Amino acid sequence: MESPQSDLNARAPPRIQPLLAGIDRLGRLDGWVGAGCLLALTCLMLSEVIARAVSNFLGIGPGTVPNAWKYSSYLMAAAFTFGAAMTLRGGGHIRVTLLLNNAAPGVKRAIEVMSSALAFAAMGYLAVAMILFTWASYARGQVSIASGTIVWPPMALVTFGMTLLSLQFLARTVRAVLDLPLEDPAMRASNPVVLPLIQLATLPRFMMRSPKGLALTRP
């Protein structure tokens, strides 16, 4: 029995099918790694809330987790870029479809090809720039002034996410040229596997709105 993913690529030339399927597998991995970053971010924010509560109400501890905000920014940036490729494949990015909805099928296909190709060119440029930027940071041994953390590992995570997004735009361009389905419903937020990841993403925001006594801002 063929999987839904193989059905979506069934009309593609045999030599291209492994490429499209491989990019989609990377997109799924991309989403799960992003979910892991969100989970780590949630745990870090929760530990900051607990530390502040213990300090405020019991007078124990410094009331903060060292470098929590710094590492939170790293995790948020990684989660944002890691989730982008999977979101694109699932059709979750915001689009203005007024023109597409009123265009003839041939015109609609041409617009999809051009827009996807332009997006691939833009993201490819950003991905290459980030690769060079990350390599330069690694070669210089650059560290954060605030925390003393080596900065190339979080930069590499963001770079990897941008690279996967550019590959997903490449796959979308190929699918548009071949008139294949551009989106995979299995990767949408309504999917019972993906939905918990979306709910997980809201937890850090909830904790940022914690009661006054548990506020994460420094006094």
N, C-alpha and C. Protein backbone atom coordinates (compact mmCIF):
# COMPACT_ATOMS: atom_id res chain seq x y z
N MET A 1 0.85 -1.20 0.00
CA MET A 1 0.00 0.00 0.00
C MET A 1 0.88 1.25 0.00
N GLU A 2 0.64 2.16 -0.91
CA GLU A 2 1.44 3.36 -1.01
C GLU A 2 1.02 4.37 0.03
N SER A 3 1.99 5.11 0.52
CA SER A 3 1.71 6.16 1.49
C SER A 3 1.13 7.37 0.77
N PRO A 4 0.42 8.25 1.52
CA PRO A 4 -0.09 9.46 0.91
C PRO A 4 1.00 10.29 0.28
N GLN A 5 2.22 10.27 0.90
CA GLN A 5 3.28 11.08 0.34
C GLN A 5 3.69 10.59 -1.04
N SER A 6 3.79 9.22 -1.23
CA SER A 6 4.17 8.70 -2.54
C SER A 6 3.08 8.98 -3.57
N ASP A 7 1.80 9.02 -3.15
CA ASP A 7 0.71 9.33 -4.06
C ASP A 7 0.84 10.76 -4.59
N LEU A 8 1.25 11.69 -3.74
CA LEU A 8 1.37 13.07 -4.17
C LEU A 8 2.46 13.25 -5.22
N ASN A 9 3.47 12.42 -5.19
CA ASN A 9 4.57 12.52 -6.14
C ASN A 9 4.50 11.48 -7.25
N ALA A 10 3.38 10.75 -7.34
CA ALA A 10 3.30 9.62 -8.26
C ALA A 10 3.41 10.05 -9.72
N ARG A 11 2.95 11.25 -10.06
CA ARG A 11 2.99 11.69 -11.45
C ARG A 11 4.31 12.35 -11.84
N ALA A 12 5.22 12.46 -10.88
CA ALA A 12 6.53 13.04 -11.18
C ALA A 12 7.40 12.02 -11.91
N PRO A 13 8.34 12.46 -12.74
CA PRO A 13 9.26 11.53 -13.38
C PRO A 13 9.99 10.69 -12.34
N PRO A 14 10.25 9.42 -12.63
CA PRO A 14 10.89 8.54 -11.64
C PRO A 14 12.19 9.09 -11.07
N ARG A 15 12.97 9.81 -11.88
CA ARG A 15 14.24 10.33 -11.38
C ARG A 15 14.07 11.48 -10.39
N ILE A 16 12.91 12.15 -10.47
CA ILE A 16 12.67 13.30 -9.60
C ILE A 16 11.95 12.89 -8.31
N GLN A 17 11.23 11.80 -8.35
CA GLN A 17 10.47 11.38 -7.17
C GLN A 17 11.33 11.24 -5.92
N PRO A 18 12.52 10.61 -5.98
CA PRO A 18 13.34 10.52 -4.76
C PRO A 18 13.75 11.89 -4.22
N LEU A 19 14.01 12.84 -5.12
CA LEU A 19 14.38 14.19 -4.67
C LEU A 19 13.23 14.84 -3.91
N LEU A 20 12.03 14.77 -4.48
CA LEU A 20 10.88 15.39 -3.83
C LEU A 20 10.56 14.70 -2.50
N ALA A 21 10.61 13.37 -2.52
CA ALA A 21 10.32 12.63 -1.28
C ALA A 21 11.39 12.90 -0.22
N GLY A 22 12.64 13.02 -0.64
CA GLY A 22 13.71 13.29 0.32
C GLY A 22 13.57 14.66 0.95
N ILE A 23 13.22 15.66 0.16
CA ILE A 23 13.02 17.01 0.71
C ILE A 23 11.86 17.02 1.68
N ASP A 24 10.79 16.27 1.37
CA ASP A 24 9.66 16.21 2.29
C ASP A 24 10.04 15.51 3.59
N ARG A 25 10.87 14.46 3.50
CA ARG A 25 11.32 13.80 4.73
C ARG A 25 12.15 14.73 5.58
N LEU A 26 13.00 15.51 4.93
CA LEU A 26 13.78 16.51 5.66
C LEU A 26 12.86 17.56 6.29
N GLY A 27 11.77 17.91 5.57
CA GLY A 27 10.82 18.87 6.11
C GLY A 27 10.14 18.35 7.37
N ARG A 28 9.81 17.06 7.37
CA ARG A 28 9.22 16.47 8.57
C ARG A 28 10.22 16.47 9.72
N LEU A 29 11.45 16.08 9.42
CA LEU A 29 12.50 16.14 10.45
C LEU A 29 12.66 17.56 10.95
N ASP A 30 12.62 18.49 10.03
CA ASP A 30 12.71 19.91 10.33
C ASP A 30 11.66 20.31 11.36
N GLY A 31 10.43 19.87 11.14
CA GLY A 31 9.34 20.21 12.05
C GLY A 31 9.52 19.62 13.43
N TRP A 32 9.99 18.37 13.50
CA TRP A 32 10.19 17.74 14.80
C TRP A 32 11.34 18.37 15.57
N VAL A 33 12.40 18.75 14.87
CA VAL A 33 13.49 19.44 15.55
C VAL A 33 13.01 20.79 16.06
N GLY A 34 12.19 21.48 15.26
CA GLY A 34 11.60 22.73 15.72
C GLY A 34 10.74 22.53 16.96
N ALA A 35 9.99 21.42 16.98
CA ALA A 35 9.18 21.12 18.17
C ALA A 35 10.07 20.87 19.38
N GLY A 36 11.21 20.21 19.16
CA GLY A 36 12.15 20.00 20.26
C GLY A 36 12.70 21.32 20.79
N CYS A 37 12.97 22.27 19.88
CA CYS A 37 13.42 23.59 20.31
C CYS A 37 12.34 24.30 21.12
N LEU A 38 11.09 24.16 20.69
CA LEU A 38 9.99 24.78 21.45
C LEU A 38 9.84 24.14 22.82
N LEU A 39 10.02 22.82 22.89
CA LEU A 39 9.93 22.15 24.19
C LEU A 39 11.05 22.63 25.11
N ALA A 40 12.27 22.73 24.58
CA ALA A 40 13.38 23.23 25.38
C ALA A 40 13.13 24.67 25.82
N LEU A 41 12.57 25.49 24.91
CA LEU A 41 12.25 26.88 25.25
C LEU A 41 11.21 26.94 26.35
N THR A 42 10.19 26.08 26.27
CA THR A 42 9.15 26.04 27.29
C THR A 42 9.72 25.67 28.65
N CYS A 43 10.59 24.65 28.66
CA CYS A 43 11.20 24.23 29.93
C CYS A 43 12.08 25.34 30.51
N LEU A 44 12.78 26.06 29.65
CA LEU A 44 13.64 27.14 30.11
C LEU A 44 12.82 28.28 30.69
N MET A 45 11.74 28.65 30.03
CA MET A 45 10.88 29.71 30.54
C MET A 45 10.19 29.28 31.83
N LEU A 46 9.79 28.01 31.90
CA LEU A 46 9.15 27.51 33.12
C LEU A 46 10.12 27.54 34.29
N SER A 47 11.38 27.17 34.03
CA SER A 47 12.37 27.22 35.10
C SER A 47 12.61 28.65 35.57
N GLU A 48 12.54 29.60 34.65
CA GLU A 48 12.69 31.02 35.03
C GLU A 48 11.51 31.47 35.89
N VAL A 49 10.31 31.04 35.53
CA VAL A 49 9.12 31.39 36.32
C VAL A 49 9.23 30.80 37.72
N ILE A 50 9.64 29.53 37.81
CA ILE A 50 9.76 28.87 39.12
C ILE A 50 10.83 29.54 39.96
N ALA A 51 11.97 29.87 39.33
CA ALA A 51 13.04 30.53 40.08
C ALA A 51 12.59 31.87 40.62
N ARG A 52 11.85 32.65 39.82
CA ARG A 52 11.36 33.94 40.28
C ARG A 52 10.32 33.76 41.39
N ALA A 53 9.45 32.75 41.27
CA ALA A 53 8.43 32.52 42.30
C ALA A 53 9.06 32.12 43.62
N VAL A 54 10.05 31.23 43.56
CA VAL A 54 10.72 30.80 44.78
C VAL A 54 11.44 31.97 45.44
N SER A 55 12.05 32.82 44.62
CA SER A 55 12.75 33.98 45.17
C SER A 55 11.79 34.99 45.77
N ASN A 56 10.66 35.24 45.09
CA ASN A 56 9.71 36.24 45.56
C ASN A 56 8.97 35.81 46.82
N PHE A 57 8.53 34.55 46.86
CA PHE A 57 7.66 34.10 47.95
C PHE A 57 8.40 33.41 49.09
N LEU A 58 9.53 32.79 48.78
CA LEU A 58 10.27 32.07 49.82
C LEU A 58 11.61 32.71 50.14
N GLY A 59 12.02 33.67 49.32
CA GLY A 59 13.28 34.33 49.58
C GLY A 59 14.49 33.44 49.36
N ILE A 60 14.34 32.45 48.49
CA ILE A 60 15.42 31.49 48.23
C ILE A 60 15.90 31.66 46.79
N GLY A 61 17.19 31.69 46.61
CA GLY A 61 17.76 31.70 45.27
C GLY A 61 17.85 33.10 44.68
N PRO A 62 18.52 33.19 43.54
CA PRO A 62 18.73 34.50 42.91
C PRO A 62 17.51 35.03 42.16
N GLY A 63 16.51 34.18 41.95
CA GLY A 63 15.30 34.63 41.25
C GLY A 63 15.40 34.63 39.75
N THR A 64 16.44 34.06 39.21
CA THR A 64 16.59 34.00 37.76
C THR A 64 17.48 32.84 37.38
N VAL A 65 17.34 32.39 36.15
CA VAL A 65 18.21 31.36 35.59
C VAL A 65 19.27 32.06 34.75
N PRO A 66 20.54 31.86 35.02
CA PRO A 66 21.59 32.58 34.27
C PRO A 66 21.45 32.38 32.76
N ASN A 67 21.50 33.49 32.04
CA ASN A 67 21.48 33.49 30.57
C ASN A 67 20.21 32.89 29.97
N ALA A 68 19.12 32.85 30.75
CA ALA A 68 17.88 32.26 30.24
C ALA A 68 17.37 33.01 29.02
N TRP A 69 17.41 34.34 29.07
CA TRP A 69 16.91 35.12 27.95
C TRP A 69 17.77 34.93 26.72
N LYS A 70 19.08 34.80 26.91
CA LYS A 70 19.97 34.62 25.77
C LYS A 70 19.69 33.31 25.07
N TYR A 71 19.61 32.23 25.85
CA TYR A 71 19.36 30.94 25.24
C TYR A 71 17.93 30.83 24.71
N SER A 72 17.01 31.54 25.32
CA SER A 72 15.64 31.56 24.81
C SER A 72 15.59 32.17 23.42
N SER A 73 16.37 33.22 23.20
CA SER A 73 16.40 33.85 21.87
C SER A 73 16.99 32.90 20.84
N TYR A 74 18.01 32.14 21.23
CA TYR A 74 18.58 31.15 20.32
C TYR A 74 17.53 30.10 19.94
N LEU A 75 16.84 29.58 20.95
CA LEU A 75 15.85 28.53 20.71
C LEU A 75 14.68 29.04 19.89
N MET A 76 14.24 30.28 20.15
CA MET A 76 13.12 30.83 19.38
C MET A 76 13.50 31.02 17.93
N ALA A 77 14.72 31.50 17.67
CA ALA A 77 15.16 31.66 16.29
C ALA A 77 15.26 30.32 15.58
N ALA A 78 15.78 29.30 16.28
CA ALA A 78 15.89 27.97 15.69
C ALA A 78 14.51 27.38 15.41
N ALA A 79 13.58 27.52 16.38
CA ALA A 79 12.23 26.98 16.20
C ALA A 79 11.52 27.64 15.03
N PHE A 80 11.71 28.96 14.89
CA PHE A 80 11.06 29.69 13.80
C PHE A 80 11.53 29.18 12.44
N THR A 81 12.84 29.04 12.27
CA THR A 81 13.36 28.61 10.97
C THR A 81 13.12 27.13 10.73
N PHE A 82 13.19 26.31 11.77
CA PHE A 82 12.97 24.88 11.58
C PHE A 82 11.54 24.57 11.19
N GLY A 83 10.59 25.33 11.69
CA GLY A 83 9.20 25.04 11.34
C GLY A 83 8.77 25.57 9.99
N ALA A 84 9.60 26.41 9.36
CA ALA A 84 9.17 27.10 8.13
C ALA A 84 8.99 26.14 6.96
N ALA A 85 9.90 25.19 6.78
CA ALA A 85 9.83 24.28 5.63
C ALA A 85 8.60 23.39 5.72
N MET A 86 8.35 22.83 6.90
CA MET A 86 7.18 21.98 7.08
C MET A 86 5.89 22.77 6.91
N THR A 87 5.89 24.01 7.39
CA THR A 87 4.71 24.86 7.23
C THR A 87 4.44 25.17 5.77
N LEU A 88 5.50 25.40 5.00
CA LEU A 88 5.33 25.66 3.57
C LEU A 88 4.72 24.46 2.87
N ARG A 89 5.21 23.28 3.16
CA ARG A 89 4.68 22.07 2.51
C ARG A 89 3.23 21.82 2.91
N GLY A 90 2.88 22.19 4.13
CA GLY A 90 1.51 22.00 4.58
C GLY A 90 0.57 23.11 4.16
N GLY A 91 1.10 24.16 3.52
CA GLY A 91 0.26 25.28 3.11
C GLY A 91 -0.15 26.18 4.25
N GLY A 92 0.70 26.29 5.26
CA GLY A 92 0.35 27.05 6.44
C GLY A 92 0.78 28.50 6.43
N HIS A 93 1.61 28.90 5.47
CA HIS A 93 2.04 30.29 5.41
C HIS A 93 0.91 31.17 4.87
N ILE A 94 0.85 32.40 5.35
CA ILE A 94 -0.19 33.34 4.93
C ILE A 94 0.07 33.76 3.49
N ARG A 95 -0.98 33.68 2.67
CA ARG A 95 -0.87 34.06 1.26
C ARG A 95 -2.08 34.91 0.87
N VAL A 96 -1.86 35.85 -0.02
CA VAL A 96 -2.95 36.64 -0.60
C VAL A 96 -3.33 35.95 -1.91
N THR A 97 -4.50 35.32 -1.91
CA THR A 97 -4.89 34.47 -3.05
C THR A 97 -5.98 35.08 -3.92
N LEU A 98 -6.20 36.38 -3.80
CA LEU A 98 -7.26 37.01 -4.59
C LEU A 98 -7.04 36.80 -6.08
N LEU A 99 -5.81 37.00 -6.54
CA LEU A 99 -5.51 36.82 -7.95
C LEU A 99 -5.56 35.35 -8.35
N LEU A 100 -5.01 34.48 -7.51
CA LEU A 100 -4.99 33.06 -7.84
C LEU A 100 -6.40 32.48 -7.92
N ASN A 101 -7.27 32.89 -7.02
CA ASN A 101 -8.62 32.34 -6.98
C ASN A 101 -9.45 32.75 -8.20
N ASN A 102 -9.06 33.83 -8.86
CA ASN A 102 -9.83 34.31 -10.01
C ASN A 102 -9.10 34.14 -11.33
N ALA A 103 -7.98 33.44 -11.31
CA ALA A 103 -7.19 33.24 -12.53
C ALA A 103 -7.54 31.91 -13.18
N ALA A 104 -7.31 31.85 -14.49
CA ALA A 104 -7.50 30.59 -15.21
C ALA A 104 -6.43 29.59 -14.76
N PRO A 105 -6.71 28.29 -14.92
CA PRO A 105 -5.75 27.27 -14.45
C PRO A 105 -4.34 27.47 -14.99
N GLY A 106 -4.22 27.82 -16.29
CA GLY A 106 -2.89 28.02 -16.86
C GLY A 106 -2.18 29.22 -16.26
N VAL A 107 -2.92 30.31 -16.06
CA VAL A 107 -2.34 31.51 -15.45
C VAL A 107 -1.96 31.23 -13.99
N LYS A 108 -2.82 30.52 -13.29
CA LYS A 108 -2.55 30.18 -11.90
C LYS A 108 -1.27 29.36 -11.78
N ARG A 109 -1.11 28.41 -12.69
CA ARG A 109 0.09 27.58 -12.66
C ARG A 109 1.34 28.42 -12.95
N ALA A 110 1.25 29.33 -13.90
CA ALA A 110 2.39 30.20 -14.21
C ALA A 110 2.75 31.09 -13.04
N ILE A 111 1.74 31.60 -12.33
CA ILE A 111 2.01 32.44 -11.16
C ILE A 111 2.70 31.61 -10.08
N GLU A 112 2.22 30.39 -9.87
CA GLU A 112 2.84 29.53 -8.86
C GLU A 112 4.30 29.23 -9.21
N VAL A 113 4.57 28.97 -10.48
CA VAL A 113 5.94 28.68 -10.90
C VAL A 113 6.84 29.88 -10.65
N MET A 114 6.39 31.06 -11.07
CA MET A 114 7.22 32.25 -10.93
C MET A 114 7.42 32.64 -9.47
N SER A 115 6.35 32.60 -8.69
CA SER A 115 6.47 33.00 -7.28
C SER A 115 7.34 32.01 -6.51
N SER A 116 7.20 30.72 -6.80
CA SER A 116 8.02 29.73 -6.11
C SER A 116 9.48 29.85 -6.50
N ALA A 117 9.74 30.12 -7.79
CA ALA A 117 11.12 30.27 -8.25
C ALA A 117 11.76 31.51 -7.63
N LEU A 118 11.01 32.61 -7.55
CA LEU A 118 11.55 33.82 -6.93
C LEU A 118 11.82 33.60 -5.45
N ALA A 119 10.91 32.89 -4.78
CA ALA A 119 11.11 32.60 -3.36
C ALA A 119 12.32 31.71 -3.15
N PHE A 120 12.51 30.73 -4.05
CA PHE A 120 13.69 29.87 -3.96
C PHE A 120 14.97 30.67 -4.14
N ALA A 121 14.97 31.60 -5.10
CA ALA A 121 16.15 32.43 -5.34
C ALA A 121 16.47 33.29 -4.11
N ALA A 122 15.43 33.88 -3.52
CA ALA A 122 15.64 34.73 -2.35
C ALA A 122 16.13 33.92 -1.15
N MET A 123 15.46 32.79 -0.89
CA MET A 123 15.86 31.97 0.25
C MET A 123 17.20 31.31 0.02
N GLY A 124 17.49 30.94 -1.24
CA GLY A 124 18.80 30.38 -1.54
C GLY A 124 19.91 31.37 -1.25
N TYR A 125 19.68 32.63 -1.60
CA TYR A 125 20.67 33.68 -1.32
C TYR A 125 20.87 33.84 0.19
N LEU A 126 19.76 33.86 0.95
CA LEU A 126 19.87 33.99 2.39
C LEU A 126 20.57 32.78 3.01
N ALA A 127 20.26 31.58 2.49
CA ALA A 127 20.89 30.38 3.03
C ALA A 127 22.39 30.39 2.79
N VAL A 128 22.81 30.76 1.59
CA VAL A 128 24.25 30.84 1.29
C VAL A 128 24.92 31.89 2.16
N ALA A 129 24.26 33.05 2.32
CA ALA A 129 24.82 34.10 3.16
C ALA A 129 24.97 33.63 4.61
N MET A 130 23.97 32.88 5.11
CA MET A 130 24.05 32.39 6.48
C MET A 130 25.13 31.31 6.62
N ILE A 131 25.30 30.49 5.58
CA ILE A 131 26.37 29.49 5.62
C ILE A 131 27.73 30.17 5.74
N LEU A 132 27.95 31.19 4.94
CA LEU A 132 29.21 31.92 4.99
C LEU A 132 29.38 32.64 6.32
N PHE A 133 28.29 33.21 6.82
CA PHE A 133 28.33 33.93 8.10
C PHE A 133 28.66 32.97 9.24
N THR A 134 28.02 31.80 9.23
CA THR A 134 28.26 30.81 10.28
C THR A 134 29.68 30.27 10.21
N TRP A 135 30.17 30.02 9.00
CA TRP A 135 31.54 29.53 8.86
C TRP A 135 32.55 30.57 9.35
N ALA A 136 32.30 31.83 9.05
CA ALA A 136 33.19 32.89 9.52
C ALA A 136 33.19 32.96 11.04
N SER A 137 32.01 32.79 11.66
CA SER A 137 31.92 32.80 13.11
C SER A 137 32.68 31.62 13.71
N TYR A 138 32.57 30.45 13.07
CA TYR A 138 33.30 29.27 13.54
C TYR A 138 34.81 29.47 13.40
N ALA A 139 35.24 30.02 12.26
CA ALA A 139 36.66 30.20 12.02
C ALA A 139 37.28 31.20 12.99
N ARG A 140 36.52 32.21 13.41
CA ARG A 140 37.05 33.22 14.32
C ARG A 140 36.88 32.82 15.78
N GLY A 141 36.11 31.77 16.04
CA GLY A 141 35.84 31.38 17.41
C GLY A 141 35.01 32.42 18.15
N GLN A 142 34.05 33.01 17.46
CA GLN A 142 33.26 34.10 18.02
C GLN A 142 32.41 33.61 19.19
N VAL A 143 32.38 34.42 20.25
CA VAL A 143 31.58 34.10 21.43
C VAL A 143 30.69 35.28 21.77
N SER A 144 29.60 35.00 22.49
CA SER A 144 28.69 36.06 22.92
C SER A 144 29.32 36.85 24.05
N ILE A 145 29.27 38.18 23.97
CA ILE A 145 29.82 39.03 25.01
C ILE A 145 29.01 38.89 26.30
N ALA A 146 27.69 38.73 26.16
CA ALA A 146 26.81 38.68 27.33
C ALA A 146 26.95 37.38 28.12
N SER A 147 27.06 36.24 27.40
CA SER A 147 27.05 34.95 28.09
C SER A 147 28.32 34.14 27.93
N GLY A 148 29.20 34.55 27.01
CA GLY A 148 30.41 33.78 26.77
C GLY A 148 30.17 32.51 25.99
N THR A 149 28.98 32.39 25.38
CA THR A 149 28.62 31.20 24.62
C THR A 149 29.21 31.26 23.21
N ILE A 150 29.74 30.14 22.74
CA ILE A 150 30.15 30.06 21.34
C ILE A 150 28.91 30.19 20.47
N VAL A 151 28.90 31.12 19.55
CA VAL A 151 27.66 31.46 18.85
C VAL A 151 27.44 30.67 17.56
N TRP A 152 28.46 29.97 17.05
CA TRP A 152 28.23 29.30 15.77
C TRP A 152 27.25 28.13 15.86
N PRO A 153 27.14 27.37 16.98
CA PRO A 153 26.13 26.30 17.00
C PRO A 153 24.69 26.80 16.82
N PRO A 154 24.22 27.83 17.57
CA PRO A 154 22.86 28.31 17.29
C PRO A 154 22.73 28.91 15.90
N MET A 155 23.80 29.55 15.41
CA MET A 155 23.75 30.07 14.05
C MET A 155 23.63 28.94 13.04
N ALA A 156 24.29 27.81 13.31
CA ALA A 156 24.21 26.66 12.41
C ALA A 156 22.79 26.10 12.36
N LEU A 157 22.09 26.11 13.50
CA LEU A 157 20.71 25.63 13.52
C LEU A 157 19.83 26.51 12.63
N VAL A 158 19.97 27.82 12.78
CA VAL A 158 19.19 28.74 11.95
C VAL A 158 19.54 28.56 10.48
N THR A 159 20.82 28.39 10.19
CA THR A 159 21.27 28.20 8.81
C THR A 159 20.68 26.92 8.22
N PHE A 160 20.66 25.86 9.00
CA PHE A 160 20.09 24.60 8.53
C PHE A 160 18.61 24.74 8.22
N GLY A 161 17.88 25.45 9.10
CA GLY A 161 16.46 25.67 8.85
C GLY A 161 16.22 26.48 7.60
N MET A 162 17.02 27.51 7.37
CA MET A 162 16.89 28.32 6.15
C MET A 162 17.22 27.50 4.90
N THR A 163 18.22 26.63 5.01
CA THR A 163 18.58 25.78 3.87
C THR A 163 17.44 24.84 3.52
N LEU A 164 16.82 24.25 4.54
CA LEU A 164 15.70 23.34 4.28
C LEU A 164 14.51 24.09 3.68
N LEU A 165 14.29 25.33 4.12
CA LEU A 165 13.20 26.12 3.53
C LEU A 165 13.48 26.41 2.07
N SER A 166 14.72 26.73 1.74
CA SER A 166 15.07 26.98 0.33
C SER A 166 14.89 25.71 -0.50
N LEU A 167 15.24 24.56 0.06
CA LEU A 167 15.02 23.30 -0.66
C LEU A 167 13.53 23.03 -0.86
N GLN A 168 12.72 23.38 0.14
CA GLN A 168 11.28 23.17 0.00
C GLN A 168 10.70 24.09 -1.07
N PHE A 169 11.25 25.31 -1.20
CA PHE A 169 10.82 26.18 -2.29
C PHE A 169 11.25 25.61 -3.64
N LEU A 170 12.43 25.00 -3.68
CA LEU A 170 12.87 24.34 -4.92
C LEU A 170 11.91 23.22 -5.29
N ALA A 171 11.54 22.40 -4.30
CA ALA A 171 10.59 21.31 -4.57
C ALA A 171 9.24 21.86 -5.00
N ARG A 172 8.81 22.96 -4.39
CA ARG A 172 7.53 23.56 -4.78
C ARG A 172 7.59 24.06 -6.22
N THR A 173 8.73 24.64 -6.62
CA THR A 173 8.88 25.09 -8.00
C THR A 173 8.78 23.93 -8.97
N VAL A 174 9.45 22.82 -8.65
CA VAL A 174 9.40 21.63 -9.50
C VAL A 174 7.98 21.10 -9.59
N ARG A 175 7.29 21.06 -8.46
CA ARG A 175 5.91 20.57 -8.46
C ARG A 175 4.99 21.48 -9.28
N ALA A 176 5.22 22.78 -9.18
CA ALA A 176 4.40 23.70 -9.96
C ALA A 176 4.64 23.52 -11.45
N VAL A 177 5.89 23.31 -11.85
CA VAL A 177 6.21 23.08 -13.26
C VAL A 177 5.56 21.79 -13.76
N LEU A 178 5.57 20.76 -12.92
CA LEU A 178 5.01 19.46 -13.31
C LEU A 178 3.52 19.35 -13.03
N ASP A 179 2.92 20.41 -12.49
CA ASP A 179 1.49 20.43 -12.17
C ASP A 179 1.13 19.35 -11.15
N LEU A 180 1.97 19.21 -10.12
CA LEU A 180 1.72 18.27 -9.03
C LEU A 180 1.09 19.03 -7.86
N PRO A 181 0.47 18.31 -6.91
CA PRO A 181 -0.07 18.98 -5.71
C PRO A 181 1.03 19.74 -4.97
N LEU A 182 0.78 21.01 -4.68
CA LEU A 182 1.80 21.83 -4.04
C LEU A 182 1.83 21.67 -2.53
N GLU A 183 0.75 21.20 -1.95
CA GLU A 183 0.66 21.11 -0.50
C GLU A 183 0.31 19.69 -0.07
N ASP A 184 0.79 19.34 1.10
CA ASP A 184 0.55 18.02 1.68
C ASP A 184 -0.35 18.17 2.90
N PRO A 185 -1.61 17.74 2.83
CA PRO A 185 -2.52 17.89 3.97
C PRO A 185 -2.01 17.23 5.24
N ALA A 186 -1.16 16.20 5.09
CA ALA A 186 -0.65 15.51 6.28
C ALA A 186 0.27 16.39 7.11
N MET A 187 0.76 17.49 6.54
CA MET A 187 1.65 18.39 7.28
C MET A 187 0.93 19.63 7.78
N ARG A 188 -0.39 19.67 7.65
CA ARG A 188 -1.12 20.84 8.10
C ARG A 188 -1.35 20.80 9.60
N ALA A 189 -1.65 21.98 10.17
CA ALA A 189 -1.82 22.09 11.61
C ALA A 189 -3.03 21.31 12.12
N SER A 190 -4.00 21.02 11.25
CA SER A 190 -5.17 20.26 11.67
C SER A 190 -4.88 18.78 11.80
N ASN A 191 -3.72 18.34 11.31
CA ASN A 191 -3.34 16.93 11.44
C ASN A 191 -3.17 16.59 12.91
N PRO A 192 -3.70 15.42 13.39
CA PRO A 192 -3.62 15.09 14.81
C PRO A 192 -2.20 14.92 15.33
N VAL A 193 -1.24 14.73 14.43
CA VAL A 193 0.16 14.64 14.87
C VAL A 193 0.79 16.02 14.96
N VAL A 194 0.42 16.91 14.02
CA VAL A 194 1.01 18.25 13.97
C VAL A 194 0.38 19.19 14.97
N LEU A 195 -0.92 19.03 15.25
CA LEU A 195 -1.64 19.96 16.12
C LEU A 195 -0.99 20.13 17.49
N PRO A 196 -0.55 19.05 18.17
CA PRO A 196 0.12 19.25 19.46
C PRO A 196 1.37 20.13 19.36
N LEU A 197 2.05 20.10 18.22
CA LEU A 197 3.24 20.95 18.05
C LEU A 197 2.83 22.42 18.03
N ILE A 198 1.70 22.72 17.38
CA ILE A 198 1.21 24.10 17.35
C ILE A 198 0.81 24.55 18.75
N GLN A 199 0.14 23.65 19.51
CA GLN A 199 -0.25 24.00 20.86
C GLN A 199 0.96 24.21 21.75
N LEU A 200 2.00 23.41 21.53
CA LEU A 200 3.23 23.56 22.30
C LEU A 200 3.86 24.93 22.07
N ALA A 201 3.71 25.43 20.85
CA ALA A 201 4.33 26.72 20.52
C ALA A 201 3.71 27.88 21.30
N THR A 202 2.48 27.71 21.80
CA THR A 202 1.81 28.79 22.52
C THR A 202 2.21 28.85 23.99
N LEU A 203 2.86 27.82 24.51
CA LEU A 203 3.18 27.79 25.92
C LEU A 203 4.15 28.90 26.35
N PRO A 204 5.23 29.13 25.59
CA PRO A 204 6.11 30.23 26.03
C PRO A 204 5.40 31.57 26.09
N ARG A 205 4.47 31.85 25.17
CA ARG A 205 3.73 33.10 25.19
C ARG A 205 2.85 33.18 26.42
N PHE A 206 2.24 32.03 26.80
CA PHE A 206 1.39 32.01 27.98
C PHE A 206 2.20 32.36 29.23
N MET A 207 3.39 31.78 29.31
CA MET A 207 4.21 32.03 30.49
C MET A 207 4.76 33.45 30.51
N MET A 208 4.91 34.06 29.33
CA MET A 208 5.34 35.45 29.30
C MET A 208 4.28 36.37 29.87
N ARG A 209 2.99 35.89 29.91
CA ARG A 209 1.90 36.67 30.48
C ARG A 209 1.59 36.21 31.90
N SER A 210 2.58 35.69 32.60
CA SER A 210 2.38 35.17 33.93
C SER A 210 1.97 36.28 34.90
N PRO A 211 1.38 35.90 36.05
CA PRO A 211 0.96 36.91 37.03
C PRO A 211 2.10 37.82 37.46
N LYS A 212 1.75 38.96 38.04
CA LYS A 212 2.74 39.98 38.36
C LYS A 212 3.84 39.43 39.25
N GLY A 213 3.46 38.60 40.20
CA GLY A 213 4.45 38.05 41.11
C GLY A 213 5.41 37.10 40.44
N LEU A 214 5.03 36.58 39.26
CA LEU A 214 5.87 35.62 38.56
C LEU A 214 6.45 36.20 37.30
N ALA A 215 6.39 37.51 37.13
CA ALA A 215 6.82 38.14 35.89
C ALA A 215 8.27 37.82 35.61
N LEU A 216 8.57 37.65 34.33
CA LEU A 216 9.90 37.29 33.95
C LEU A 216 10.82 38.48 33.76
N THR A 217 10.24 39.67 33.75
CA THR A 217 11.09 40.86 33.56
C THR A 217 11.92 41.10 34.81
N ARG A 218 13.10 41.62 34.58
CA ARG A 218 13.98 41.90 35.72
C ARG A 218 13.50 43.15 36.45
N PRO A 219 13.70 43.20 37.77
CA PRO A 219 13.25 44.38 38.53
C PRO A 219 14.04 45.62 38.15
